[in-house]
N, C-alpha and C. Protein backbone atom coordinates (compact mmCIF):
# COMPACT_ATOMS: atom_id res chain seq x y z
N UNK A 1 -47.89 -81.61 96.59
CA UNK A 1 -47.35 -82.15 95.48
C UNK A 1 -47.59 -81.58 94.20
N UNK A 2 -48.94 -81.22 94.03
CA UNK A 2 -49.44 -80.33 92.80
C UNK A 2 -48.76 -78.91 92.86
N UNK A 3 -48.48 -78.35 93.85
CA UNK A 3 -47.73 -77.11 93.75
C UNK A 3 -46.34 -77.27 93.50
N UNK A 4 -45.67 -78.20 94.00
CA UNK A 4 -44.22 -78.64 93.45
C UNK A 4 -44.24 -78.68 92.05
N UNK A 5 -45.14 -79.57 91.39
CA UNK A 5 -45.33 -79.79 90.01
C UNK A 5 -45.42 -78.48 89.17
N UNK A 6 -46.18 -77.60 89.64
CA UNK A 6 -46.50 -76.27 88.98
C UNK A 6 -45.13 -75.38 89.09
N UNK A 7 -44.40 -75.47 90.15
CA UNK A 7 -43.41 -74.60 90.27
C UNK A 7 -42.18 -75.07 89.38
N UNK A 8 -42.11 -76.43 89.42
CA UNK A 8 -40.98 -77.05 88.45
C UNK A 8 -41.45 -76.71 86.96
N UNK A 9 -42.68 -76.78 86.66
CA UNK A 9 -43.16 -76.52 85.33
C UNK A 9 -42.75 -75.14 84.87
N UNK A 10 -42.98 -74.05 85.76
CA UNK A 10 -42.86 -72.78 85.53
C UNK A 10 -41.34 -72.54 85.36
N UNK A 11 -40.55 -73.12 86.24
CA UNK A 11 -39.08 -73.03 86.16
C UNK A 11 -38.59 -73.45 84.88
N UNK A 12 -39.04 -74.65 84.35
CA UNK A 12 -38.52 -75.15 83.11
C UNK A 12 -39.11 -74.28 81.94
N UNK A 13 -40.20 -73.70 81.92
CA UNK A 13 -40.64 -72.84 80.95
C UNK A 13 -39.74 -71.61 81.01
N UNK A 14 -39.41 -71.01 82.08
CA UNK A 14 -38.58 -69.81 82.16
C UNK A 14 -37.07 -70.09 81.58
N UNK A 15 -36.50 -71.40 81.97
CA UNK A 15 -35.26 -71.67 81.79
C UNK A 15 -35.01 -71.97 80.16
N UNK A 16 -36.12 -72.24 79.46
CA UNK A 16 -36.09 -72.40 78.08
C UNK A 16 -36.35 -71.30 77.11
N UNK A 17 -36.58 -70.07 77.71
CA UNK A 17 -36.77 -68.97 76.82
C UNK A 17 -35.57 -68.39 76.32
N UNK A 18 -35.68 -67.93 75.10
CA UNK A 18 -34.34 -67.34 74.44
C UNK A 18 -34.09 -66.04 74.92
N UNK A 19 -32.78 -65.72 75.09
CA UNK A 19 -32.39 -64.49 75.45
C UNK A 19 -32.33 -63.45 74.30
N UNK A 20 -32.70 -62.18 74.47
CA UNK A 20 -32.68 -61.12 73.35
C UNK A 20 -31.77 -59.99 73.90
N UNK A 21 -31.03 -59.64 72.87
CA UNK A 21 -30.13 -58.30 73.21
C UNK A 21 -30.90 -57.03 73.46
N UNK A 22 -30.75 -56.35 74.41
CA UNK A 22 -31.51 -55.24 74.84
C UNK A 22 -31.40 -54.36 73.71
N UNK A 23 -32.57 -53.62 73.27
CA UNK A 23 -32.36 -52.49 72.15
C UNK A 23 -31.69 -51.34 72.66
N UNK A 24 -31.06 -50.76 71.74
CA UNK A 24 -30.48 -49.56 71.98
C UNK A 24 -31.57 -48.42 72.04
N UNK A 25 -31.05 -47.40 72.98
CA UNK A 25 -32.02 -46.10 73.24
C UNK A 25 -31.43 -44.98 72.54
N UNK A 26 -32.50 -43.99 72.30
CA UNK A 26 -31.88 -42.80 71.54
C UNK A 26 -32.19 -42.92 70.20
N UNK A 27 -31.25 -42.12 69.36
CA UNK A 27 -31.23 -42.06 68.03
C UNK A 27 -30.56 -43.13 67.56
N UNK A 28 -31.23 -44.32 66.82
CA UNK A 28 -30.57 -45.60 66.29
C UNK A 28 -30.41 -45.82 64.97
N UNK A 29 -29.28 -46.19 64.44
CA UNK A 29 -29.25 -46.44 62.98
C UNK A 29 -29.07 -47.86 62.89
N UNK A 30 -29.87 -48.49 61.88
CA UNK A 30 -29.96 -49.86 61.90
C UNK A 30 -29.44 -50.27 60.40
N UNK A 31 -28.76 -51.64 60.17
CA UNK A 31 -28.61 -52.10 59.02
C UNK A 31 -28.70 -53.76 58.94
N UNK A 32 -29.18 -54.18 58.06
CA UNK A 32 -29.38 -55.80 58.15
C UNK A 32 -28.43 -56.23 56.63
N UNK A 33 -27.57 -56.99 56.91
CA UNK A 33 -26.76 -57.76 55.95
C UNK A 33 -26.88 -59.19 56.13
N UNK A 34 -27.43 -60.02 55.35
CA UNK A 34 -27.40 -61.56 55.59
C UNK A 34 -28.41 -61.81 56.75
N UNK A 35 -27.77 -62.46 57.61
CA UNK A 35 -28.49 -63.08 58.78
C UNK A 35 -28.07 -62.16 60.21
N UNK A 36 -27.55 -60.80 59.74
CA UNK A 36 -27.12 -59.99 60.90
C UNK A 36 -27.79 -58.73 60.95
N UNK A 37 -28.43 -58.21 62.02
CA UNK A 37 -28.86 -56.82 62.38
C UNK A 37 -27.75 -56.25 63.13
N UNK A 38 -27.31 -55.03 62.73
CA UNK A 38 -26.23 -54.11 63.35
C UNK A 38 -26.98 -52.88 63.40
N UNK A 39 -26.76 -52.34 64.81
CA UNK A 39 -27.35 -51.15 65.28
C UNK A 39 -26.28 -50.19 65.88
N UNK A 40 -26.40 -49.08 65.69
CA UNK A 40 -25.43 -48.09 66.42
C UNK A 40 -26.30 -46.93 66.96
N UNK A 41 -25.90 -46.44 68.01
CA UNK A 41 -26.51 -45.24 68.75
C UNK A 41 -25.18 -44.53 69.37
N UNK A 42 -25.31 -43.15 69.28
CA UNK A 42 -24.23 -42.27 69.83
C UNK A 42 -24.76 -41.56 71.10
N UNK A 43 -23.83 -41.25 71.95
CA UNK A 43 -24.20 -40.53 73.15
C UNK A 43 -23.07 -39.43 73.42
N UNK A 44 -23.02 -38.17 73.10
CA UNK A 44 -24.24 -37.41 73.21
C UNK A 44 -24.98 -37.37 71.61
N UNK A 45 -26.25 -37.17 71.65
CA UNK A 45 -26.91 -37.08 70.27
C UNK A 45 -27.52 -35.58 70.16
N UNK A 46 -27.12 -34.81 69.41
CA UNK A 46 -26.05 -35.06 68.40
C UNK A 46 -24.50 -34.93 68.95
N UNK A 47 -23.73 -35.62 68.09
CA UNK A 47 -22.44 -35.67 68.49
C UNK A 47 -21.70 -34.20 68.67
N UNK A 48 -20.75 -34.06 69.26
CA UNK A 48 -20.10 -32.63 69.65
C UNK A 48 -18.69 -32.82 69.26
N UNK A 49 -18.27 -31.80 68.51
CA UNK A 49 -16.91 -31.47 68.19
C UNK A 49 -16.06 -31.44 69.31
N UNK A 50 -14.79 -32.23 69.36
CA UNK A 50 -13.97 -32.02 70.44
C UNK A 50 -14.36 -32.75 71.74
N UNK A 51 -15.36 -33.44 71.82
CA UNK A 51 -15.95 -34.05 72.95
C UNK A 51 -15.90 -35.38 72.89
N UNK A 52 -15.65 -36.30 73.80
CA UNK A 52 -15.59 -37.91 73.70
C UNK A 52 -16.98 -38.29 73.36
N UNK A 53 -17.15 -39.14 72.37
CA UNK A 53 -18.54 -39.72 72.16
C UNK A 53 -18.48 -41.31 72.44
N UNK A 54 -19.58 -41.72 72.86
CA UNK A 54 -19.79 -43.09 73.12
C UNK A 54 -20.45 -43.65 71.98
N UNK A 55 -20.04 -44.39 71.33
CA UNK A 55 -20.62 -45.23 70.16
C UNK A 55 -21.05 -46.67 70.62
N UNK A 56 -22.23 -46.81 70.88
CA UNK A 56 -22.95 -48.27 71.36
C UNK A 56 -23.23 -48.98 70.17
N UNK A 57 -22.71 -50.35 70.07
CA UNK A 57 -22.95 -51.13 68.86
C UNK A 57 -23.81 -52.43 69.40
N UNK A 58 -24.75 -52.82 68.76
CA UNK A 58 -25.51 -54.03 69.00
C UNK A 58 -25.65 -54.91 67.82
N UNK A 59 -25.26 -56.11 68.06
CA UNK A 59 -25.20 -57.02 66.80
C UNK A 59 -26.26 -58.19 67.37
N UNK A 60 -27.18 -58.39 66.26
CA UNK A 60 -28.34 -59.52 66.72
C UNK A 60 -28.40 -60.21 65.45
N UNK A 61 -28.84 -61.43 65.62
CA UNK A 61 -29.39 -62.19 64.42
C UNK A 61 -30.72 -61.61 64.02
N UNK A 62 -31.16 -61.96 62.77
CA UNK A 62 -32.40 -61.41 62.27
C UNK A 62 -33.59 -61.76 63.04
N UNK A 63 -33.44 -62.85 63.85
CA UNK A 63 -34.69 -63.07 64.68
C UNK A 63 -34.59 -62.40 66.14
N UNK A 64 -33.60 -61.58 66.22
CA UNK A 64 -33.39 -60.72 67.41
C UNK A 64 -32.56 -61.54 68.42
N UNK A 65 -31.91 -62.60 68.22
CA UNK A 65 -31.22 -63.41 69.35
C UNK A 65 -29.78 -62.73 69.59
N UNK A 66 -29.34 -62.82 70.86
CA UNK A 66 -28.03 -62.29 70.96
C UNK A 66 -26.95 -63.15 70.15
N UNK A 67 -26.00 -62.54 69.78
CA UNK A 67 -24.75 -63.17 69.03
C UNK A 67 -23.72 -62.83 70.14
N UNK A 68 -23.11 -63.93 70.39
CA UNK A 68 -22.03 -63.92 71.40
C UNK A 68 -20.59 -64.15 70.77
N UNK A 69 -19.62 -63.21 71.40
CA UNK A 69 -18.43 -63.40 71.03
C UNK A 69 -18.05 -63.09 69.21
N UNK A 70 -18.80 -62.20 68.82
CA UNK A 70 -18.50 -61.92 67.41
C UNK A 70 -17.42 -60.93 67.19
N UNK A 71 -16.45 -61.35 66.30
CA UNK A 71 -15.31 -60.43 65.96
C UNK A 71 -15.73 -59.39 65.15
N UNK A 72 -15.52 -58.08 65.40
CA UNK A 72 -15.67 -56.82 64.57
C UNK A 72 -14.45 -56.02 64.59
N UNK A 73 -14.10 -55.47 63.43
CA UNK A 73 -13.05 -54.59 63.35
C UNK A 73 -13.90 -53.08 62.95
N UNK A 74 -13.52 -52.13 63.69
CA UNK A 74 -14.11 -50.75 63.65
C UNK A 74 -13.17 -49.91 62.73
N UNK A 75 -13.67 -49.23 61.80
CA UNK A 75 -12.80 -48.15 61.21
C UNK A 75 -13.72 -46.76 60.88
N UNK A 76 -13.08 -45.65 61.30
CA UNK A 76 -13.56 -44.32 61.27
C UNK A 76 -12.96 -43.61 60.31
N UNK A 77 -13.60 -42.97 59.25
CA UNK A 77 -12.85 -42.21 58.24
C UNK A 77 -13.72 -40.98 57.96
N UNK A 78 -12.89 -40.01 57.45
CA UNK A 78 -13.64 -38.63 57.29
C UNK A 78 -12.91 -38.14 55.88
N UNK A 79 -13.76 -37.73 54.88
CA UNK A 79 -13.30 -37.26 53.60
C UNK A 79 -12.33 -38.41 52.89
N UNK A 80 -12.63 -39.71 53.11
CA UNK A 80 -11.85 -40.74 52.53
C UNK A 80 -10.61 -41.05 53.19
N UNK A 81 -10.38 -40.39 54.25
CA UNK A 81 -9.09 -40.46 54.94
C UNK A 81 -9.33 -41.27 56.17
N UNK A 82 -8.37 -42.42 56.50
CA UNK A 82 -8.59 -43.35 57.62
C UNK A 82 -8.20 -42.51 58.88
N UNK A 83 -8.94 -42.46 59.89
CA UNK A 83 -8.50 -41.68 61.12
C UNK A 83 -8.45 -42.55 62.32
N UNK A 84 -9.10 -43.68 62.40
CA UNK A 84 -9.03 -44.70 63.54
C UNK A 84 -9.34 -45.93 63.30
N UNK A 85 -8.67 -46.91 63.57
CA UNK A 85 -9.01 -48.27 63.36
C UNK A 85 -8.92 -49.12 64.69
N UNK A 86 -9.80 -50.04 64.96
CA UNK A 86 -9.81 -50.79 66.17
C UNK A 86 -10.28 -52.16 65.89
N UNK A 87 -9.59 -53.01 66.41
CA UNK A 87 -9.82 -54.33 66.47
C UNK A 87 -8.90 -55.28 65.78
N UNK A 88 -9.23 -56.51 65.62
CA UNK A 88 -10.43 -57.09 65.73
C UNK A 88 -11.02 -57.13 67.45
N UNK A 89 -12.26 -56.48 67.59
CA UNK A 89 -12.85 -56.56 68.95
C UNK A 89 -13.86 -57.73 68.91
N UNK A 90 -13.79 -58.35 70.21
CA UNK A 90 -14.84 -59.28 70.32
C UNK A 90 -15.99 -58.93 70.94
N UNK A 91 -17.17 -58.94 70.55
CA UNK A 91 -18.42 -58.25 71.09
C UNK A 91 -19.12 -59.22 71.93
N UNK A 92 -18.94 -59.18 73.18
CA UNK A 92 -19.53 -60.17 74.08
C UNK A 92 -21.16 -59.89 74.15
N UNK A 93 -21.89 -60.86 74.18
CA UNK A 93 -23.55 -60.66 74.52
C UNK A 93 -24.11 -59.68 73.40
N UNK A 94 -23.64 -59.46 72.20
CA UNK A 94 -24.35 -58.74 71.49
C UNK A 94 -23.89 -57.17 71.65
N UNK A 95 -23.31 -56.61 72.55
CA UNK A 95 -23.22 -55.37 72.74
C UNK A 95 -21.67 -54.96 73.03
N UNK A 96 -21.38 -53.73 72.44
CA UNK A 96 -20.04 -53.07 72.77
C UNK A 96 -20.23 -51.63 72.83
N UNK A 97 -19.29 -51.02 73.65
CA UNK A 97 -19.43 -49.49 73.73
C UNK A 97 -17.91 -49.08 73.33
N UNK A 98 -17.85 -48.09 72.37
CA UNK A 98 -16.74 -47.71 71.73
C UNK A 98 -16.46 -46.23 71.99
N UNK A 99 -15.47 -45.57 72.45
CA UNK A 99 -15.36 -44.08 72.79
C UNK A 99 -14.42 -43.56 71.58
N UNK A 100 -14.85 -42.51 71.07
CA UNK A 100 -13.99 -41.76 70.11
C UNK A 100 -14.22 -40.36 70.17
N UNK A 101 -13.42 -39.41 70.09
CA UNK A 101 -13.46 -38.12 69.86
C UNK A 101 -13.27 -37.45 68.72
N UNK A 102 -14.34 -36.85 68.13
CA UNK A 102 -14.34 -36.30 66.80
C UNK A 102 -13.63 -34.84 67.03
N UNK A 103 -12.56 -34.63 66.40
CA UNK A 103 -11.68 -33.51 66.45
C UNK A 103 -12.34 -32.31 65.75
N UNK A 104 -13.09 -32.49 64.68
CA UNK A 104 -13.66 -31.45 63.89
C UNK A 104 -15.02 -31.64 63.37
N UNK A 105 -15.85 -30.70 63.14
CA UNK A 105 -17.15 -30.90 62.65
C UNK A 105 -17.09 -31.69 61.29
N UNK A 106 -18.23 -32.19 60.83
CA UNK A 106 -18.20 -32.73 59.32
C UNK A 106 -19.03 -34.14 59.33
N UNK A 107 -18.77 -34.76 58.28
CA UNK A 107 -19.39 -35.92 58.08
C UNK A 107 -18.35 -37.18 58.10
N UNK A 108 -18.62 -37.92 59.07
CA UNK A 108 -17.68 -39.16 59.47
C UNK A 108 -18.25 -40.42 58.80
N UNK A 109 -17.61 -41.46 58.55
CA UNK A 109 -18.20 -42.76 58.13
C UNK A 109 -17.70 -43.86 59.35
N UNK A 110 -18.45 -44.63 59.70
CA UNK A 110 -18.03 -45.60 60.68
C UNK A 110 -18.37 -47.08 59.72
N UNK A 111 -17.12 -47.79 59.64
CA UNK A 111 -17.35 -49.05 58.90
C UNK A 111 -17.07 -50.05 60.00
N UNK A 112 -18.09 -50.95 60.15
CA UNK A 112 -17.93 -52.05 61.11
C UNK A 112 -17.83 -53.49 60.24
N UNK A 113 -16.56 -54.13 60.24
CA UNK A 113 -16.21 -55.16 59.45
C UNK A 113 -16.49 -56.54 60.30
N UNK A 114 -17.53 -57.18 60.03
CA UNK A 114 -17.92 -58.50 60.77
C UNK A 114 -17.56 -59.74 59.97
N UNK A 115 -16.64 -60.47 60.63
CA UNK A 115 -16.35 -61.69 59.84
C UNK A 115 -17.47 -62.73 60.12
N UNK A 116 -17.99 -63.30 59.19
CA UNK A 116 -19.22 -64.16 59.23
C UNK A 116 -18.84 -65.59 59.22
N UNK A 117 -18.25 -66.15 60.41
CA UNK A 117 -17.75 -67.42 60.54
C UNK A 117 -19.03 -68.44 60.38
N UNK A 118 -20.19 -68.04 60.72
CA UNK A 118 -21.22 -68.97 60.84
C UNK A 118 -21.76 -69.23 59.47
N UNK A 119 -21.87 -68.46 58.49
CA UNK A 119 -22.59 -68.66 57.30
C UNK A 119 -21.55 -68.78 55.95
N UNK A 120 -21.21 -67.52 55.55
CA UNK A 120 -20.56 -67.48 54.39
C UNK A 120 -18.96 -67.30 54.50
N UNK A 121 -18.40 -67.07 55.72
CA UNK A 121 -16.99 -67.13 55.97
C UNK A 121 -16.43 -65.79 55.27
N UNK A 122 -17.24 -64.84 54.75
CA UNK A 122 -16.76 -63.55 54.47
C UNK A 122 -16.81 -62.42 55.27
N UNK A 123 -16.23 -61.29 55.00
CA UNK A 123 -16.32 -60.20 55.93
C UNK A 123 -17.60 -59.33 55.42
N UNK A 124 -18.36 -59.00 56.35
CA UNK A 124 -19.55 -58.26 55.88
C UNK A 124 -19.23 -56.88 56.43
N UNK A 125 -19.44 -55.73 55.71
CA UNK A 125 -19.03 -54.56 56.09
C UNK A 125 -20.49 -53.63 56.27
N UNK A 126 -20.64 -53.15 57.41
CA UNK A 126 -21.82 -52.32 57.63
C UNK A 126 -21.27 -50.94 57.67
N UNK A 127 -21.86 -49.85 56.99
CA UNK A 127 -21.54 -48.63 56.87
C UNK A 127 -22.61 -47.61 57.43
N UNK A 128 -22.07 -46.70 58.33
CA UNK A 128 -22.81 -45.83 59.04
C UNK A 128 -22.28 -44.50 58.92
N UNK A 129 -23.09 -43.49 58.53
CA UNK A 129 -22.58 -42.08 58.56
C UNK A 129 -23.03 -41.26 59.88
N UNK A 130 -22.16 -40.59 60.35
CA UNK A 130 -21.98 -39.83 61.52
C UNK A 130 -21.92 -38.40 61.21
N UNK A 131 -22.78 -37.53 61.74
CA UNK A 131 -22.56 -36.03 61.49
C UNK A 131 -22.25 -35.38 62.71
N UNK A 132 -21.25 -34.64 62.70
CA UNK A 132 -20.75 -33.76 63.79
C UNK A 132 -20.99 -32.33 63.51
N UNK A 133 -22.03 -31.78 63.95
CA UNK A 133 -22.41 -30.29 63.54
C UNK A 133 -21.36 -29.29 63.98
N UNK A 134 -20.96 -28.50 63.20
CA UNK A 134 -20.25 -27.33 63.56
C UNK A 134 -20.88 -26.13 64.13
N UNK A 135 -20.21 -25.15 64.60
CA UNK A 135 -20.88 -24.02 65.31
C UNK A 135 -21.87 -23.25 64.45
N UNK A 136 -21.74 -23.32 63.14
CA UNK A 136 -22.52 -22.56 62.19
C UNK A 136 -23.53 -23.40 61.59
N UNK A 137 -23.59 -24.69 61.99
CA UNK A 137 -24.78 -25.50 61.34
C UNK A 137 -26.04 -25.17 61.80
N UNK A 138 -26.22 -24.53 62.94
CA UNK A 138 -27.47 -24.29 63.43
C UNK A 138 -27.89 -22.66 63.10
N UNK A 139 -26.88 -21.86 62.83
CA UNK A 139 -27.21 -20.60 62.61
C UNK A 139 -27.82 -20.31 61.17
N UNK A 140 -27.16 -21.00 60.28
CA UNK A 140 -27.66 -20.67 58.79
C UNK A 140 -29.19 -20.95 58.44
N UNK A 141 -29.62 -22.13 58.99
CA UNK A 141 -30.84 -22.48 58.79
C UNK A 141 -31.87 -21.44 59.56
N UNK A 142 -31.36 -20.95 60.75
CA UNK A 142 -32.17 -19.96 61.59
C UNK A 142 -32.13 -18.67 60.89
N UNK A 143 -31.17 -18.31 60.29
CA UNK A 143 -31.16 -16.98 59.45
C UNK A 143 -32.15 -17.13 58.36
N UNK A 144 -32.09 -18.30 57.63
CA UNK A 144 -33.09 -18.52 56.37
C UNK A 144 -34.57 -18.54 56.88
N UNK A 145 -34.87 -19.05 58.00
CA UNK A 145 -36.20 -18.93 58.60
C UNK A 145 -36.53 -17.63 58.94
N UNK A 146 -35.67 -16.97 59.56
CA UNK A 146 -36.03 -15.66 60.05
C UNK A 146 -36.20 -14.71 58.92
N UNK A 147 -35.52 -14.71 57.84
CA UNK A 147 -35.79 -14.06 56.56
C UNK A 147 -36.91 -14.34 55.99
N UNK A 148 -37.24 -15.55 55.79
CA UNK A 148 -38.53 -16.04 55.24
C UNK A 148 -39.82 -15.42 56.05
N UNK A 149 -39.79 -15.38 57.41
CA UNK A 149 -40.74 -14.84 58.18
C UNK A 149 -40.78 -13.29 58.14
N UNK A 150 -39.81 -12.63 57.84
CA UNK A 150 -39.79 -11.32 57.61
C UNK A 150 -40.44 -10.73 56.30
N UNK A 151 -40.01 -11.76 55.16
CA UNK A 151 -40.63 -11.28 53.99
C UNK A 151 -41.99 -11.63 54.04
N UNK A 152 -42.43 -12.81 54.59
CA UNK A 152 -43.99 -13.03 54.68
C UNK A 152 -44.58 -11.86 55.42
N UNK A 153 -44.24 -11.45 56.57
CA UNK A 153 -44.82 -10.26 57.19
C UNK A 153 -44.78 -9.17 56.50
N UNK A 154 -43.88 -8.91 55.73
CA UNK A 154 -43.92 -7.59 54.75
C UNK A 154 -45.04 -7.69 53.74
N UNK A 155 -45.11 -8.90 52.92
CA UNK A 155 -46.15 -9.22 52.05
C UNK A 155 -47.53 -9.03 52.75
N UNK A 156 -47.77 -9.66 53.90
CA UNK A 156 -49.05 -9.49 54.49
C UNK A 156 -49.46 -8.06 54.75
N UNK A 157 -48.50 -7.43 55.22
CA UNK A 157 -48.78 -6.16 55.70
C UNK A 157 -49.01 -5.10 54.40
N UNK A 158 -48.47 -5.28 53.29
CA UNK A 158 -48.51 -4.43 52.02
C UNK A 158 -50.12 -4.99 51.57
N UNK A 159 -50.37 -6.06 51.73
CA UNK A 159 -51.74 -6.76 50.87
C UNK A 159 -52.67 -6.02 51.81
N UNK A 160 -52.57 -5.89 53.23
CA UNK A 160 -53.75 -5.23 54.08
C UNK A 160 -53.84 -3.77 53.77
N UNK A 161 -52.73 -3.16 53.54
CA UNK A 161 -52.69 -1.61 53.20
C UNK A 161 -53.53 -1.27 51.93
N UNK A 162 -53.29 -2.11 51.04
CA UNK A 162 -53.94 -1.94 49.62
C UNK A 162 -55.28 -2.69 49.47
N UNK A 163 -55.63 -3.48 50.37
CA UNK A 163 -56.92 -4.23 50.36
C UNK A 163 -57.93 -3.64 51.14
């Protein structure tokens, strides 16, 4: 009898726990507006020009609980020009994966417009900046670092000769 009581008590405790949305992995960008925490992560990281990218969205309340069936509209822009509009999308269980191919390198902006039916009735706009590196984005810093190393080596060698 006592064992049955303990099992029922444990089952009730487990049934009453709140569910929390799984956190995103990798490079995560977060924003909080009002009662909402909005997170995105991209795969691959860093983004690649001309290759499909998965943009993972997570929407939760400020206390971490899942938000179910939240309507969101996504907009992707580059240099102030609209490139893609999706939605309204219904985000089930706080998570949604969106696929987009970035045609060229540069800085993109992802806007997520969330309709706040629960509190204010307004549209809350979350803004995320996405950088798609080009082929020369890694070369220029490398050349600068190599030049600095060469200049430093020359200065050290000259000081040793004169000192």
